[in-house]
């Protein structure tokens, strides 16, 4: 290779359907591992999901990882709020 080599960048290309699909598949595998370990916040699992976290971080752009991780935590919080609202509605009906 010379000065202007044609080495391809290792960063995932968000415009590539194949790269997006790899990202989503590795995200799903990582989040499945987190679910099995009963971990809500990605990064709090220690070494438990290391084999699925690596491909997730390699196959997804950092901005996507930040987004997916925040959405996971928010979805979990939302489930708690919805369950509490349902309990309150049930209690109000039973009065």
N, C-alpha and C. Protein backbone atom coordinates (compact mmCIF):
# COMPACT_ATOMS: atom_id res chain seq x y z
N UNK A 1 0.82 -1.18 0.00
CA UNK A 1 0.00 0.00 0.00
C UNK A 1 0.87 1.24 0.00
N UNK A 2 0.42 2.23 -0.71
CA UNK A 2 1.14 3.49 -0.78
C UNK A 2 0.52 4.52 0.15
N UNK A 3 0.76 5.73 -0.21
CA UNK A 3 0.25 6.85 0.60
C UNK A 3 -1.27 6.86 0.66
N UNK A 4 -1.88 6.54 -0.43
CA UNK A 4 -3.34 6.63 -0.51
C UNK A 4 -3.94 5.24 -0.66
N UNK A 5 -3.70 4.39 0.31
CA UNK A 5 -4.21 3.04 0.28
C UNK A 5 -5.73 3.02 0.28
N UNK A 6 -6.27 1.92 -0.14
CA UNK A 6 -7.72 1.80 -0.23
C UNK A 6 -8.28 0.96 0.92
N UNK A 7 -7.63 0.99 2.05
CA UNK A 7 -8.11 0.22 3.20
C UNK A 7 -9.49 0.74 3.62
N UNK A 8 -10.42 -0.16 3.74
CA UNK A 8 -11.79 0.20 4.10
C UNK A 8 -11.87 0.53 5.58
N UNK A 9 -12.65 1.53 5.91
CA UNK A 9 -12.87 1.91 7.31
C UNK A 9 -13.60 0.78 8.03
N UNK A 10 -13.25 0.56 9.29
CA UNK A 10 -13.87 -0.50 10.07
C UNK A 10 -15.20 -0.06 10.69
N UNK A 11 -15.54 1.22 10.60
CA UNK A 11 -16.79 1.71 11.19
C UNK A 11 -17.97 1.21 10.38
N UNK A 12 -19.06 0.83 11.06
CA UNK A 12 -20.25 0.38 10.34
C UNK A 12 -20.84 1.52 9.50
N UNK A 13 -21.38 1.16 8.37
CA UNK A 13 -21.99 2.14 7.47
C UNK A 13 -23.50 2.10 7.68
N UNK A 14 -24.07 3.17 8.27
CA UNK A 14 -25.49 3.21 8.59
C UNK A 14 -26.36 3.19 7.33
N UNK A 15 -25.78 3.50 6.18
CA UNK A 15 -26.56 3.49 4.95
C UNK A 15 -26.59 2.11 4.31
N UNK A 16 -25.78 1.20 4.81
CA UNK A 16 -25.73 -0.15 4.26
C UNK A 16 -26.75 -1.05 4.97
N UNK A 17 -27.64 -1.62 4.20
CA UNK A 17 -28.66 -2.51 4.76
C UNK A 17 -28.01 -3.68 5.50
N UNK A 18 -26.94 -4.22 4.95
CA UNK A 18 -26.26 -5.35 5.58
C UNK A 18 -25.65 -4.95 6.93
N UNK A 19 -25.04 -3.77 6.99
CA UNK A 19 -24.45 -3.31 8.24
C UNK A 19 -25.52 -3.03 9.29
N UNK A 20 -26.64 -2.46 8.88
CA UNK A 20 -27.74 -2.23 9.83
C UNK A 20 -28.27 -3.55 10.36
N UNK A 21 -28.42 -4.53 9.48
CA UNK A 21 -28.93 -5.84 9.88
C UNK A 21 -27.97 -6.52 10.88
N UNK A 22 -26.67 -6.43 10.61
CA UNK A 22 -25.68 -6.99 11.54
C UNK A 22 -25.77 -6.30 12.90
N UNK A 23 -25.95 -4.99 12.88
CA UNK A 23 -26.06 -4.23 14.12
C UNK A 23 -27.28 -4.70 14.91
N UNK A 24 -28.42 -4.78 14.25
CA UNK A 24 -29.65 -5.17 14.94
C UNK A 24 -29.56 -6.59 15.49
N UNK A 25 -28.97 -7.49 14.71
CA UNK A 25 -28.83 -8.88 15.18
C UNK A 25 -27.91 -8.97 16.39
N UNK A 26 -26.80 -8.24 16.35
CA UNK A 26 -25.87 -8.29 17.49
C UNK A 26 -26.48 -7.57 18.71
N UNK A 27 -27.26 -6.51 18.48
CA UNK A 27 -27.96 -5.84 19.58
C UNK A 27 -28.96 -6.79 20.23
N UNK A 28 -29.73 -7.49 19.41
CA UNK A 28 -30.73 -8.42 19.93
C UNK A 28 -30.08 -9.54 20.74
N UNK A 29 -28.95 -10.05 20.26
CA UNK A 29 -28.25 -11.11 20.98
C UNK A 29 -27.72 -10.59 22.32
N UNK A 30 -27.17 -9.40 22.33
CA UNK A 30 -26.65 -8.80 23.56
C UNK A 30 -27.78 -8.52 24.55
N UNK A 31 -28.87 -7.96 24.07
CA UNK A 31 -29.99 -7.65 24.97
C UNK A 31 -30.66 -8.92 25.48
N UNK A 32 -30.67 -9.99 24.69
CA UNK A 32 -31.18 -11.27 25.16
C UNK A 32 -30.33 -11.80 26.30
N UNK A 33 -29.02 -11.65 26.17
CA UNK A 33 -28.11 -12.06 27.25
C UNK A 33 -28.36 -11.21 28.50
N UNK A 34 -28.55 -9.90 28.32
CA UNK A 34 -28.84 -9.04 29.47
C UNK A 34 -30.15 -9.44 30.15
N UNK A 35 -31.15 -9.77 29.34
CA UNK A 35 -32.43 -10.21 29.89
C UNK A 35 -32.25 -11.48 30.72
N UNK A 36 -31.48 -12.43 30.19
CA UNK A 36 -31.24 -13.69 30.91
C UNK A 36 -30.49 -13.45 32.21
N UNK A 37 -29.61 -12.45 32.22
CA UNK A 37 -28.84 -12.12 33.42
C UNK A 37 -29.61 -11.17 34.34
N UNK A 38 -30.82 -10.76 33.90
CA UNK A 38 -31.66 -9.82 34.67
C UNK A 38 -30.95 -8.48 34.92
N UNK A 39 -30.31 -8.00 33.86
CA UNK A 39 -29.61 -6.72 33.91
C UNK A 39 -30.38 -5.75 33.01
N UNK A 40 -30.75 -4.59 33.55
CA UNK A 40 -31.49 -3.60 32.77
C UNK A 40 -30.54 -2.67 32.04
N UNK A 41 -29.58 -2.12 32.74
CA UNK A 41 -28.69 -1.11 32.16
C UNK A 41 -27.47 -1.78 31.52
N UNK A 42 -27.33 -1.66 30.20
CA UNK A 42 -26.15 -2.22 29.54
C UNK A 42 -24.86 -1.64 30.13
N UNK A 43 -23.92 -2.53 30.36
CA UNK A 43 -22.66 -2.12 30.97
C UNK A 43 -22.57 -2.52 32.42
N UNK A 44 -23.72 -2.83 33.05
CA UNK A 44 -23.75 -3.24 34.46
C UNK A 44 -23.61 -4.74 34.64
N UNK A 45 -23.40 -5.48 33.55
CA UNK A 45 -23.38 -6.94 33.62
C UNK A 45 -22.01 -7.52 33.93
N UNK A 46 -21.00 -6.70 34.01
CA UNK A 46 -19.66 -7.22 34.25
C UNK A 46 -19.18 -8.01 33.05
N UNK A 47 -18.70 -9.23 33.29
CA UNK A 47 -18.20 -10.06 32.19
C UNK A 47 -19.23 -11.09 31.72
N UNK A 48 -20.43 -11.02 32.26
CA UNK A 48 -21.46 -12.02 31.95
C UNK A 48 -21.77 -12.11 30.46
N UNK A 49 -21.91 -11.01 29.77
CA UNK A 49 -22.31 -11.01 28.36
C UNK A 49 -21.18 -10.54 27.43
N UNK A 50 -19.96 -10.77 27.83
CA UNK A 50 -18.81 -10.29 27.05
C UNK A 50 -18.80 -10.85 25.63
N UNK A 51 -19.25 -12.09 25.45
CA UNK A 51 -19.22 -12.71 24.13
C UNK A 51 -20.23 -12.08 23.16
N UNK A 52 -21.28 -11.45 23.66
CA UNK A 52 -22.24 -10.78 22.79
C UNK A 52 -22.06 -9.26 22.77
N UNK A 53 -21.41 -8.73 23.80
CA UNK A 53 -21.17 -7.29 23.85
C UNK A 53 -20.15 -6.86 22.81
N UNK A 54 -19.12 -7.65 22.61
CA UNK A 54 -18.07 -7.33 21.63
C UNK A 54 -18.63 -7.13 20.23
N UNK A 55 -19.38 -8.10 19.69
CA UNK A 55 -19.95 -7.91 18.36
C UNK A 55 -20.92 -6.72 18.30
N UNK A 56 -21.67 -6.51 19.36
CA UNK A 56 -22.59 -5.36 19.42
C UNK A 56 -21.82 -4.05 19.26
N UNK A 57 -20.73 -3.92 19.99
CA UNK A 57 -19.94 -2.69 19.92
C UNK A 57 -19.19 -2.56 18.59
N UNK A 58 -18.83 -3.68 17.98
CA UNK A 58 -18.14 -3.66 16.69
C UNK A 58 -19.09 -3.36 15.53
N UNK A 59 -20.29 -3.91 15.60
CA UNK A 59 -21.22 -3.84 14.47
C UNK A 59 -22.12 -2.61 14.47
N UNK A 60 -22.16 -1.88 15.57
CA UNK A 60 -23.05 -0.72 15.65
C UNK A 60 -22.25 0.56 15.85
N UNK A 61 -22.73 1.62 15.26
CA UNK A 61 -22.11 2.93 15.46
C UNK A 61 -22.33 3.37 16.91
N UNK A 62 -21.41 4.13 17.45
CA UNK A 62 -21.51 4.58 18.85
C UNK A 62 -22.81 5.31 19.11
N UNK A 63 -23.24 6.15 18.19
CA UNK A 63 -24.48 6.90 18.39
C UNK A 63 -25.68 5.95 18.47
N UNK A 64 -25.65 4.85 17.71
CA UNK A 64 -26.74 3.88 17.77
C UNK A 64 -26.71 3.14 19.10
N UNK A 65 -25.50 2.78 19.55
CA UNK A 65 -25.37 2.08 20.82
C UNK A 65 -25.92 2.94 21.95
N UNK A 66 -25.55 4.22 21.95
CA UNK A 66 -26.07 5.13 22.98
C UNK A 66 -27.59 5.18 22.94
N UNK A 67 -28.15 5.27 21.74
CA UNK A 67 -29.60 5.33 21.59
C UNK A 67 -30.26 4.04 22.07
N UNK A 68 -29.78 2.88 21.60
CA UNK A 68 -30.37 1.60 21.99
C UNK A 68 -30.31 1.39 23.50
N UNK A 69 -29.16 1.73 24.10
CA UNK A 69 -29.00 1.53 25.54
C UNK A 69 -29.95 2.42 26.33
N UNK A 70 -30.10 3.67 25.91
CA UNK A 70 -31.03 4.58 26.60
C UNK A 70 -32.47 4.11 26.44
N UNK A 71 -32.83 3.66 25.24
CA UNK A 71 -34.19 3.17 25.00
C UNK A 71 -34.49 1.95 25.86
N UNK A 72 -33.50 1.08 26.07
CA UNK A 72 -33.70 -0.11 26.89
C UNK A 72 -34.04 0.28 28.32
N UNK A 73 -33.29 1.22 28.87
CA UNK A 73 -33.52 1.67 30.26
C UNK A 73 -34.87 2.37 30.36
N UNK A 74 -35.16 3.25 29.39
CA UNK A 74 -36.44 3.97 29.41
C UNK A 74 -37.63 3.02 29.29
N UNK A 75 -37.52 2.01 28.45
CA UNK A 75 -38.61 1.04 28.29
C UNK A 75 -38.86 0.29 29.60
N UNK A 76 -37.81 -0.05 30.30
CA UNK A 76 -37.96 -0.74 31.59
C UNK A 76 -38.65 0.16 32.61
N UNK A 77 -38.24 1.43 32.66
CA UNK A 77 -38.87 2.38 33.57
C UNK A 77 -40.33 2.57 33.21
N UNK A 78 -40.63 2.63 31.93
CA UNK A 78 -41.99 2.82 31.47
C UNK A 78 -42.88 1.65 31.88
N UNK A 79 -42.35 0.44 31.81
CA UNK A 79 -43.13 -0.72 32.23
C UNK A 79 -43.51 -0.62 33.70
N UNK A 80 -42.59 -0.14 34.53
CA UNK A 80 -42.88 0.03 35.95
C UNK A 80 -43.97 1.06 36.18
N UNK A 81 -43.92 2.16 35.46
CA UNK A 81 -44.93 3.21 35.60
C UNK A 81 -46.28 2.70 35.12
N UNK A 82 -46.32 1.98 34.01
CA UNK A 82 -47.57 1.45 33.50
C UNK A 82 -48.17 0.41 34.45
N UNK A 83 -47.34 -0.42 35.05
CA UNK A 83 -47.83 -1.41 36.01
C UNK A 83 -48.41 -0.70 37.24
N UNK A 84 -47.76 0.34 37.69
CA UNK A 84 -48.25 1.09 38.85
C UNK A 84 -49.60 1.76 38.51
N UNK A 85 -49.72 2.32 37.33
CA UNK A 85 -50.97 2.95 36.91
C UNK A 85 -52.08 1.92 36.82
N UNK A 86 -51.78 0.73 36.32
CA UNK A 86 -52.77 -0.34 36.23
C UNK A 86 -53.22 -0.77 37.62
N UNK A 87 -52.30 -0.87 38.56
CA UNK A 87 -52.64 -1.24 39.94
C UNK A 87 -53.55 -0.18 40.57
N UNK A 88 -53.24 1.09 40.32
CA UNK A 88 -54.08 2.16 40.85
C UNK A 88 -55.47 2.14 40.23
N UNK A 89 -55.55 1.87 38.95
CA UNK A 89 -56.85 1.80 38.28
C UNK A 89 -57.67 0.64 38.82
N UNK A 90 -57.03 -0.50 39.04
CA UNK A 90 -57.72 -1.66 39.61
C UNK A 90 -58.21 -1.38 41.02
N UNK A 91 -57.39 -0.72 41.82
CA UNK A 91 -57.77 -0.38 43.18
C UNK A 91 -58.94 0.61 43.21
N UNK A 92 -58.95 1.54 42.27
CA UNK A 92 -60.04 2.52 42.20
C UNK A 92 -61.34 1.84 41.79
N UNK A 93 -61.29 0.86 40.92
CA UNK A 93 -62.50 0.12 40.50
C UNK A 93 -63.08 -0.73 41.62
N UNK A 94 -62.19 -1.21 42.48
CA UNK A 94 -62.63 -2.11 43.55
C UNK A 94 -63.19 -1.36 44.75
N UNK A 95 -63.20 -0.07 44.74
CA UNK A 95 -63.72 0.71 45.89
C UNK A 95 -65.19 0.79 45.86
